[in-house]
PDB file of N, CA and C in Angstrom:
ATOM      1  N   UNK A   1     116.474  92.682  59.313  1.00  0.00           N
ATOM      2  CA  UNK A   1     117.869  92.987  59.105  1.00  0.00           C
ATOM      3  C   UNK A   1     118.736  92.400  60.223  1.00  0.00           C
ATOM      4  N   UNK A   2     118.227  92.405  61.450  1.00  0.00           N
ATOM      5  CA  UNK A   2     118.953  91.841  62.580  1.00  0.00           C
ATOM      6  C   UNK A   2     119.242  90.364  62.347  1.00  0.00           C
ATOM      7  N   UNK A   3     118.269  89.633  61.792  1.00  0.00           N
ATOM      8  CA  UNK A   3     118.447  88.211  61.529  1.00  0.00           C
ATOM      9  C   UNK A   3     119.539  87.966  60.496  1.00  0.00           C
ATOM     10  N   UNK A   4     119.645  88.834  59.510  1.00  0.00           N
ATOM     11  CA  UNK A   4     120.679  88.697  58.486  1.00  0.00           C
ATOM     12  C   UNK A   4     122.068  88.843  59.112  1.00  0.00           C
ATOM     13  N   UNK A   5     122.227  89.799  59.991  1.00  0.00           N
ATOM     14  CA  UNK A   5     123.517  89.989  60.674  1.00  0.00           C
ATOM     15  C   UNK A   5     123.861  88.764  61.522  1.00  0.00           C
ATOM     16  N   UNK A   6     122.869  88.198  62.182  1.00  0.00           N
ATOM     17  CA  UNK A   6     123.107  87.011  62.995  1.00  0.00           C
ATOM     18  C   UNK A   6     123.468  85.814  62.113  1.00  0.00           C
ATOM     19  N   UNK A   7     122.807  85.690  60.972  1.00  0.00           N
ATOM     20  CA  UNK A   7     123.106  84.604  60.048  1.00  0.00           C
ATOM     21  C   UNK A   7     124.532  84.742  59.495  1.00  0.00           C
ATOM     22  N   UNK A   8     124.926  85.947  59.158  1.00  0.00           N
ATOM     23  CA  UNK A   8     126.293  86.177  58.678  1.00  0.00           C
ATOM     24  C   UNK A   8     127.308  85.804  59.757  1.00  0.00           C
ATOM     25  N   UNK A   9     127.022  86.160  60.990  1.00  0.00           N
ATOM     26  CA  UNK A   9     127.923  85.818  62.092  1.00  0.00           C
ATOM     27  C   UNK A   9     127.978  84.301  62.292  1.00  0.00           C
ATOM     28  N   UNK A  10     126.844  83.626  62.140  1.00  0.00           N
ATOM     29  CA  UNK A  10     126.828  82.164  62.249  1.00  0.00           C
ATOM     30  C   UNK A  10     127.710  81.544  61.165  1.00  0.00           C
ATOM     31  N   UNK A  11     127.653  82.082  59.962  1.00  0.00           N
ATOM     32  CA  UNK A  11     128.492  81.573  58.873  1.00  0.00           C
ATOM     33  C   UNK A  11     129.974  81.800  59.164  1.00  0.00           C
ATOM     34  N   UNK A  12     130.312  82.982  59.645  1.00  0.00           N
ATOM     35  CA  UNK A  12     131.703  83.266  60.002  1.00  0.00           C
ATOM     36  C   UNK A  12     132.173  82.355  61.130  1.00  0.00           C
ATOM     37  N   UNK A  13     131.305  82.121  62.093  1.00  0.00           N
ATOM     38  CA  UNK A  13     131.649  81.262  63.226  1.00  0.00           C
ATOM     39  C   UNK A  13     131.902  79.833  62.752  1.00  0.00           C
ATOM     40  N   UNK A  14     131.054  79.335  61.866  1.00  0.00           N
ATOM     41  CA  UNK A  14     131.266  77.977  61.345  1.00  0.00           C
ATOM     42  C   UNK A  14     132.576  77.894  60.572  1.00  0.00           C
ATOM     43  N   UNK A  15     132.898  78.929  59.802  1.00  0.00           N
ATOM     44  CA  UNK A  15     134.177  78.953  59.078  1.00  0.00           C
ATOM     45  C   UNK A  15     135.354  78.892  60.059  1.00  0.00           C
ATOM     46  N   UNK A  16     135.239  79.631  61.172  1.00  0.00           N
ATOM     47  CA  UNK A  16     136.298  79.605  62.194  1.00  0.00           C
ATOM     48  C   UNK A  16     136.463  78.205  62.774  1.00  0.00           C
ATOM     49  N   UNK A  17     135.344  77.542  63.029  1.00  0.00           N
ATOM     50  CA  UNK A  17     135.392  76.183  63.582  1.00  0.00           C
ATOM     51  C   UNK A  17     136.122  75.248  62.620  1.00  0.00           C
ATOM     52  N   UNK A  18     135.796  75.343  61.345  1.00  0.00           N
ATOM     53  CA  UNK A  18     136.449  74.504  60.338  1.00  0.00           C
ATOM     54  C   UNK A  18     137.949  74.786  60.316  1.00  0.00           C
ATOM     55  N   UNK A  19     138.332  76.059  60.365  1.00  0.00           N
ATOM     56  CA  UNK A  19     139.753  76.426  60.360  1.00  0.00           C
ATOM     57  C   UNK A  19     140.465  75.912  61.613  1.00  0.00           C
ATOM     58  N   UNK A  20     139.836  76.074  62.769  1.00  0.00           N
ATOM     59  CA  UNK A  20     140.441  75.604  64.013  1.00  0.00           C
ATOM     60  C   UNK A  20     140.602  74.087  64.008  1.00  0.00           C
ATOM     61  N   UNK A  21     139.568  73.377  63.575  1.00  0.00           N
ATOM     62  CA  UNK A  21     139.648  71.919  63.511  1.00  0.00           C
ATOM     63  C   UNK A  21     140.759  71.471  62.564  1.00  0.00           C
ATOM     64  N   UNK A  22     140.876  72.155  61.449  1.00  0.00           N
ATOM     65  CA  UNK A  22     141.928  71.817  60.477  1.00  0.00           C
ATOM     66  C   UNK A  22     143.310  72.046  61.087  1.00  0.00           C
ATOM     67  N   UNK A  23     143.474  73.164  61.790  1.00  0.00           N
ATOM     68  CA  UNK A  23     144.766  73.477  62.387  1.00  0.00           C
ATOM     69  C   UNK A  23     145.137  72.463  63.474  1.00  0.00           C
ATOM     70  N   UNK A  24     144.173  72.099  64.306  1.00  0.00           N
ATOM     71  CA  UNK A  24     144.421  71.100  65.346  1.00  0.00           C
ATOM     72  C   UNK A  24     144.769  69.759  64.701  1.00  0.00           C
ATOM     73  N   UNK A  25     144.078  69.420  63.628  1.00  0.00           N
ATOM     74  CA  UNK A  25     144.357  68.172  62.930  1.00  0.00           C
ATOM     75  C   UNK A  25     145.783  68.160  62.376  1.00  0.00           C
ATOM     76  N   UNK A  26     146.218  69.283  61.830  1.00  0.00           N
ATOM     77  CA  UNK A  26     147.571  69.389  61.272  1.00  0.00           C
ATOM     78  C   UNK A  26     148.640  69.367  62.363  1.00  0.00           C
ATOM     79  N   UNK A  27     148.386  70.096  63.460  1.00  0.00           N
ATOM     80  CA  UNK A  27     149.385  70.251  64.519  1.00  0.00           C
ATOM     81  C   UNK A  27     149.386  69.100  65.520  1.00  0.00           C
ATOM     82  N   UNK A  28     148.247  68.440  65.668  1.00  0.00           N
ATOM     83  CA  UNK A  28     148.100  67.416  66.694  1.00  0.00           C
ATOM     84  C   UNK A  28     147.433  67.993  67.938  1.00  0.00           C
ATOM     85  N   UNK A  29     146.926  67.117  68.791  1.00  0.00           N
ATOM     86  CA  UNK A  29     146.208  67.552  69.993  1.00  0.00           C
ATOM     87  C   UNK A  29     147.117  68.204  71.018  1.00  0.00           C
ATOM     88  N   UNK A  30     148.370  67.786  71.026  1.00  0.00           N
ATOM     89  CA  UNK A  30     149.321  68.316  71.998  1.00  0.00           C
ATOM     90  C   UNK A  30     150.392  69.116  71.266  1.00  0.00           C
ATOM     91  N   UNK A  31     150.820  70.215  71.892  1.00  0.00           N
ATOM     92  CA  UNK A  31     151.903  71.037  71.362  1.00  0.00           C
ATOM     93  C   UNK A  31     153.054  71.009  72.360  1.00  0.00           C
ATOM     94  N   UNK A  32     154.262  71.065  71.837  1.00  0.00           N
ATOM     95  CA  UNK A  32     155.438  71.095  72.697  1.00  0.00           C
ATOM     96  C   UNK A  32     155.961  72.521  72.736  1.00  0.00           C
ATOM     97  N   UNK A  33     156.205  72.984  73.947  1.00  0.00           N
ATOM     98  CA  UNK A  33     156.773  74.317  74.133  1.00  0.00           C
ATOM     99  C   UNK A  33     157.958  74.208  75.075  1.00  0.00           C
ATOM    100  N   UNK A  34     158.570  75.321  75.378  1.00  0.00           N
ATOM    101  CA  UNK A  34     159.709  75.321  76.309  1.00  0.00           C
ATOM    102  C   UNK A  34     159.284  74.868  77.712  1.00  0.00           C
ATOM    103  N   UNK A  35     157.990  74.915  77.977  1.00  0.00           N
ATOM    104  CA  UNK A  35     157.472  74.513  79.285  1.00  0.00           C
ATOM    105  C   UNK A  35     156.927  73.091  79.274  1.00  0.00           C
ATOM    106  N   UNK A  36     157.124  72.377  78.179  1.00  0.00           N
ATOM    107  CA  UNK A  36     156.640  71.007  78.068  1.00  0.00           C
ATOM    108  C   UNK A  36     155.437  70.904  77.145  1.00  0.00           C
ATOM    109  N   UNK A  37     154.772  69.769  77.188  1.00  0.00           N
ATOM    110  CA  UNK A  37     153.606  69.542  76.340  1.00  0.00           C
ATOM    111  C   UNK A  37     152.365  70.199  76.937  1.00  0.00           C
ATOM    112  N   UNK A  38     151.512  70.672  76.054  1.00  0.00           N
ATOM    113  CA  UNK A  38     150.245  71.262  76.481  1.00  0.00           C
ATOM    114  C   UNK A  38     149.196  70.984  75.419  1.00  0.00           C
ATOM    115  N   UNK A  39     147.952  71.052  75.820  1.00  0.00           N
ATOM    116  CA  UNK A  39     146.842  70.839  74.890  1.00  0.00           C
ATOM    117  C   UNK A  39     146.799  72.001  73.904  1.00  0.00           C
ATOM    118  N   UNK A  40     146.539  71.687  72.667  1.00  0.00           N
ATOM    119  CA  UNK A  40     146.448  72.710  71.610  1.00  0.00           C
ATOM    120  C   UNK A  40     145.376  73.728  71.999  1.00  0.00           C
ATOM    121  N   UNK A  41     145.694  75.025  71.987  1.00  0.00           N
ATOM    122  CA  UNK A  41     144.697  76.034  72.360  1.00  0.00           C
ATOM    123  C   UNK A  41     143.518  76.097  71.396  1.00  0.00           C
ATOM    124  N   UNK A  42     143.682  75.590  70.196  1.00  0.00           N
ATOM    125  CA  UNK A  42     142.582  75.564  69.230  1.00  0.00           C
ATOM    126  C   UNK A  42     141.432  74.674  69.669  1.00  0.00           C
ATOM    127  N   UNK A  43     141.714  73.710  70.531  1.00  0.00           N
ATOM    128  CA  UNK A  43     140.664  72.814  71.020  1.00  0.00           C
ATOM    129  C   UNK A  43     139.665  73.592  71.868  1.00  0.00           C
ATOM    130  N   UNK A  44     140.173  74.368  72.815  1.00  0.00           N
ATOM    131  CA  UNK A  44     139.286  75.162  73.675  1.00  0.00           C
ATOM    132  C   UNK A  44     138.550  76.229  72.868  1.00  0.00           C
ATOM    133  N   UNK A  45     139.248  76.851  71.929  1.00  0.00           N
ATOM    134  CA  UNK A  45     138.607  77.891  71.127  1.00  0.00           C
ATOM    135  C   UNK A  45     137.524  77.305  70.228  1.00  0.00           C
ATOM    136  N   UNK A  46     137.770  76.137  69.645  1.00  0.00           N
ATOM    137  CA  UNK A  46     136.753  75.493  68.815  1.00  0.00           C
ATOM    138  C   UNK A  46     135.517  75.157  69.645  1.00  0.00           C
ATOM    139  N   UNK A  47     135.725  74.705  70.878  1.00  0.00           N
ATOM    140  CA  UNK A  47     134.593  74.399  71.763  1.00  0.00           C
ATOM    141  C   UNK A  47     133.770  75.667  72.025  1.00  0.00           C
ATOM    142  N   UNK A  48     134.436  76.785  72.287  1.00  0.00           N
ATOM    143  CA  UNK A  48     133.728  78.043  72.516  1.00  0.00           C
ATOM    144  C   UNK A  48     132.976  78.498  71.275  1.00  0.00           C
ATOM    145  N   UNK A  49     133.603  78.331  70.118  1.00  0.00           N
ATOM    146  CA  UNK A  49     132.950  78.721  68.865  1.00  0.00           C
ATOM    147  C   UNK A  49     131.733  77.844  68.587  1.00  0.00           C
ATOM    148  N   UNK A  50     131.805  76.558  68.948  1.00  0.00           N
ATOM    149  CA  UNK A  50     130.646  75.666  68.772  1.00  0.00           C
ATOM    150  C   UNK A  50     129.479  76.108  69.660  1.00  0.00           C
ATOM    151  N   UNK A  51     129.788  76.519  70.875  1.00  0.00           N
ATOM    152  CA  UNK A  51     128.733  77.041  71.757  1.00  0.00           C
ATOM    153  C   UNK A  51     128.100  78.291  71.152  1.00  0.00           C
ATOM    154  N   UNK A  52     128.937  79.173  70.636  1.00  0.00           N
ATOM    155  CA  UNK A  52     128.447  80.397  70.013  1.00  0.00           C
ATOM    156  C   UNK A  52     127.562  80.068  68.809  1.00  0.00           C
ATOM    157  N   UNK A  53     128.020  79.142  67.969  1.00  0.00           N
ATOM    158  CA  UNK A  53     127.234  78.771  66.791  1.00  0.00           C
ATOM    159  C   UNK A  53     125.910  78.140  67.192  1.00  0.00           C
ATOM    160  N   UNK A  54     125.923  77.285  68.183  1.00  0.00           N
ATOM    161  CA  UNK A  54     124.679  76.651  68.646  1.00  0.00           C
ATOM    162  C   UNK A  54     123.688  77.699  69.124  1.00  0.00           C
ATOM    163  N   UNK A  55     124.164  78.685  69.832  1.00  0.00           N
ATOM    164  CA  UNK A  55     123.276  79.753  70.338  1.00  0.00           C
ATOM    165  C   UNK A  55     122.733  80.604  69.201  1.00  0.00           C
ATOM    166  N   UNK A  56     123.592  80.950  68.258  1.00  0.00           N
ATOM    167  CA  UNK A  56     123.129  81.744  67.115  1.00  0.00           C
ATOM    168  C   UNK A  56     122.068  80.990  66.316  1.00  0.00           C
ATOM    169  N   UNK A  57     122.324  79.719  66.043  1.00  0.00           N
ATOM    170  CA  UNK A  57     121.370  78.933  65.267  1.00  0.00           C
ATOM    171  C   UNK A  57     120.060  78.734  66.012  1.00  0.00           C
ATOM    172  N   UNK A  58     120.141  78.503  67.318  1.00  0.00           N
ATOM    173  CA  UNK A  58     118.922  78.330  68.114  1.00  0.00           C
ATOM    174  C   UNK A  58     118.109  79.618  68.122  1.00  0.00           C
ATOM    175  N   UNK A  59     118.775  80.743  68.236  1.00  0.00           N
ATOM    176  CA  UNK A  59     118.081  82.033  68.236  1.00  0.00           C
ATOM    177  C   UNK A  59     117.372  82.275  66.906  1.00  0.00           C
ATOM    178  N   UNK A  60     118.024  81.850  65.822  1.00  0.00           N
ATOM    179  CA  UNK A  60     117.435  82.023  64.492  1.00  0.00           C
ATOM    180  C   UNK A  60     116.437  80.925  64.149  1.00  0.00           C
ATOM    181  N   UNK A  61     116.379  79.876  64.960  1.00  0.00           N
ATOM    182  CA  UNK A  61     115.468  78.771  64.684  1.00  0.00           C
ATOM    183  C   UNK A  61     115.937  77.889  63.542  1.00  0.00           C
ATOM    184  N   UNK A  62     117.248  77.829  63.330  1.00  0.00           N
ATOM    185  CA  UNK A  62     117.830  77.036  62.245  1.00  0.00           C
ATOM    186  C   UNK A  62     118.454  75.782  62.851  1.00  0.00           C
ATOM    187  N   UNK A  63     118.091  74.597  62.347  1.00  0.00           N
ATOM    188  CA  UNK A  63     118.725  73.386  62.868  1.00  0.00           C
ATOM    189  C   UNK A  63     120.184  73.305  62.413  1.00  0.00           C
ATOM    190  N   UNK A  64     121.029  72.772  63.278  1.00  0.00           N
ATOM    191  CA  UNK A  64     122.434  72.610  62.935  1.00  0.00           C
ATOM    192  C   UNK A  64     122.600  71.446  61.971  1.00  0.00           C
ATOM    193  N   UNK A  65     123.671  71.476  61.212  1.00  0.00           N
ATOM    194  CA  UNK A  65     124.023  70.344  60.368  1.00  0.00           C
ATOM    195  C   UNK A  65     124.504  69.214  61.268  1.00  0.00           C
ATOM    196  N   UNK A  66     124.177  68.003  60.935  1.00  0.00           N
ATOM    197  CA  UNK A  66     124.601  66.866  61.740  1.00  0.00           C
ATOM    198  C   UNK A  66     126.104  66.789  61.901  1.00  0.00           C
ATOM    199  N   UNK A  67     126.833  67.191  60.877  1.00  0.00           N
ATOM    200  CA  UNK A  67     128.294  67.118  60.901  1.00  0.00           C
ATOM    201  C   UNK A  67     128.929  68.173  61.809  1.00  0.00           C
ATOM    202  N   UNK A  68     128.168  69.162  62.262  1.00  0.00           N
ATOM    203  CA  UNK A  68     128.732  70.228  63.086  1.00  0.00           C
ATOM    204  C   UNK A  68     128.976  69.802  64.524  1.00  0.00           C
ATOM    205  N   UNK A  69     128.323  68.720  64.973  1.00  0.00           N
ATOM    206  CA  UNK A  69     128.565  68.205  66.316  1.00  0.00           C
ATOM    207  C   UNK A  69     128.442  69.313  67.365  1.00  0.00           C
ATOM    208  N   UNK A  70     127.329  70.027  67.340  1.00  0.00           N
ATOM    209  CA  UNK A  70     127.125  71.142  68.252  1.00  0.00           C
ATOM    210  C   UNK A  70     126.464  70.677  69.537  1.00  0.00           C
ATOM    211  N   UNK A  71     126.734  71.401  70.638  1.00  0.00           N
ATOM    212  CA  UNK A  71     126.036  71.094  71.883  1.00  0.00           C
ATOM    213  C   UNK A  71     124.563  71.456  71.756  1.00  0.00           C
ATOM    214  N   UNK A  72     123.760  70.892  72.626  1.00  0.00           N
ATOM    215  CA  UNK A  72     122.334  71.223  72.629  1.00  0.00           C
ATOM    216  C   UNK A  72     122.156  72.701  72.944  1.00  0.00           C
ATOM    217  N   UNK A  73     121.080  73.285  72.439  1.00  0.00           N
ATOM    218  CA  UNK A  73     120.816  74.700  72.687  1.00  0.00           C
ATOM    219  C   UNK A  73     120.463  74.942  74.152  1.00  0.00           C
ATOM    220  N   UNK A  74     120.006  73.907  74.848  1.00  0.00           N
ATOM    221  CA  UNK A  74     119.752  74.033  76.283  1.00  0.00           C
ATOM    222  C   UNK A  74     121.052  73.710  76.992  1.00  0.00           C
ATOM    223  N   UNK A  75     121.502  74.616  77.810  1.00  0.00           N
ATOM    224  CA  UNK A  75     122.789  74.384  78.443  1.00  0.00           C
ATOM    225  C   UNK A  75     122.890  75.018  79.803  1.00  0.00           C
ATOM    226  N   UNK A  76     124.091  75.206  80.221  1.00  0.00           N
ATOM    227  CA  UNK A  76     124.380  75.730  81.543  1.00  0.00           C
ATOM    228  C   UNK A  76     123.708  77.070  81.771  1.00  0.00           C
ATOM    229  N   UNK A  77     123.650  77.875  80.755  1.00  0.00           N
ATOM    230  CA  UNK A  77     123.108  79.229  80.917  1.00  0.00           C
ATOM    231  C   UNK A  77     121.684  79.360  80.447  1.00  0.00           C
ATOM    232  N   UNK A  78     120.966  78.261  80.334  1.00  0.00           N
ATOM    233  CA  UNK A  78     119.558  78.345  79.998  1.00  0.00           C
ATOM    234  C   UNK A  78     119.259  78.018  78.564  1.00  0.00           C
ATOM    235  N   UNK A  79     118.104  78.432  78.120  1.00  0.00           N
ATOM    236  CA  UNK A  79     117.622  78.129  76.780  1.00  0.00           C
ATOM    237  C   UNK A  79     117.863  79.324  75.887  1.00  0.00           C
ATOM    238  N   UNK A  80     118.401  79.057  74.711  1.00  0.00           N
ATOM    239  CA  UNK A  80     118.647  80.114  73.738  1.00  0.00           C
ATOM    240  C   UNK A  80     117.675  79.932  72.592  1.00  0.00           C
ATOM    241  N   UNK A  81     116.458  80.353  72.829  1.00  0.00           N
ATOM    242  CA  UNK A  81     115.415  80.175  71.833  1.00  0.00           C
ATOM    243  C   UNK A  81     115.116  81.467  71.119  1.00  0.00           C
ATOM    244  N   UNK A  82     114.127  81.430  70.311  1.00  0.00           N
ATOM    245  CA  UNK A  82     113.715  82.611  69.569  1.00  0.00           C
ATOM    246  C   UNK A  82     113.181  83.670  70.508  1.00  0.00           C
ATOM    247  N   UNK A  83     113.408  84.886  70.163  1.00  0.00           N
ATOM    248  CA  UNK A  83     112.889  85.998  70.950  1.00  0.00           C
ATOM    249  C   UNK A  83     113.655  86.251  72.230  1.00  0.00           C
ATOM    250  N   UNK A  84     114.889  85.700  72.339  1.00  0.00           N
ATOM    251  CA  UNK A  84     115.727  85.979  73.488  1.00  0.00           C
ATOM    252  C   UNK A  84     115.295  85.292  74.761  1.00  0.00           C
ATOM    253  N   UNK A  85     114.453  84.274  74.648  1.00  0.00           N
ATOM    254  CA  UNK A  85     113.996  83.567  75.852  1.00  0.00           C
ATOM    255  C   UNK A  85     115.041  82.646  76.380  1.00  0.00           C
TER     256      UNK A  85
END
């Protein structure tokens, strides 16, 4: 049952990534505000969501889709493998 919850979260996370990428594509990489131009906040959030998705998939032992452009499961904070290792 735990794996099902993780899989559902991975699906929701991927949906968020698609939505964020779409919004950044529509708005552009830079946004103009009263304080000048700034990087779209969706860029940083999409990067965080990709890290989350990579960790969830690695924990479940599911390979990512090639189109997802996810970081490697081995990263700054160690290995996110099966069994919480």
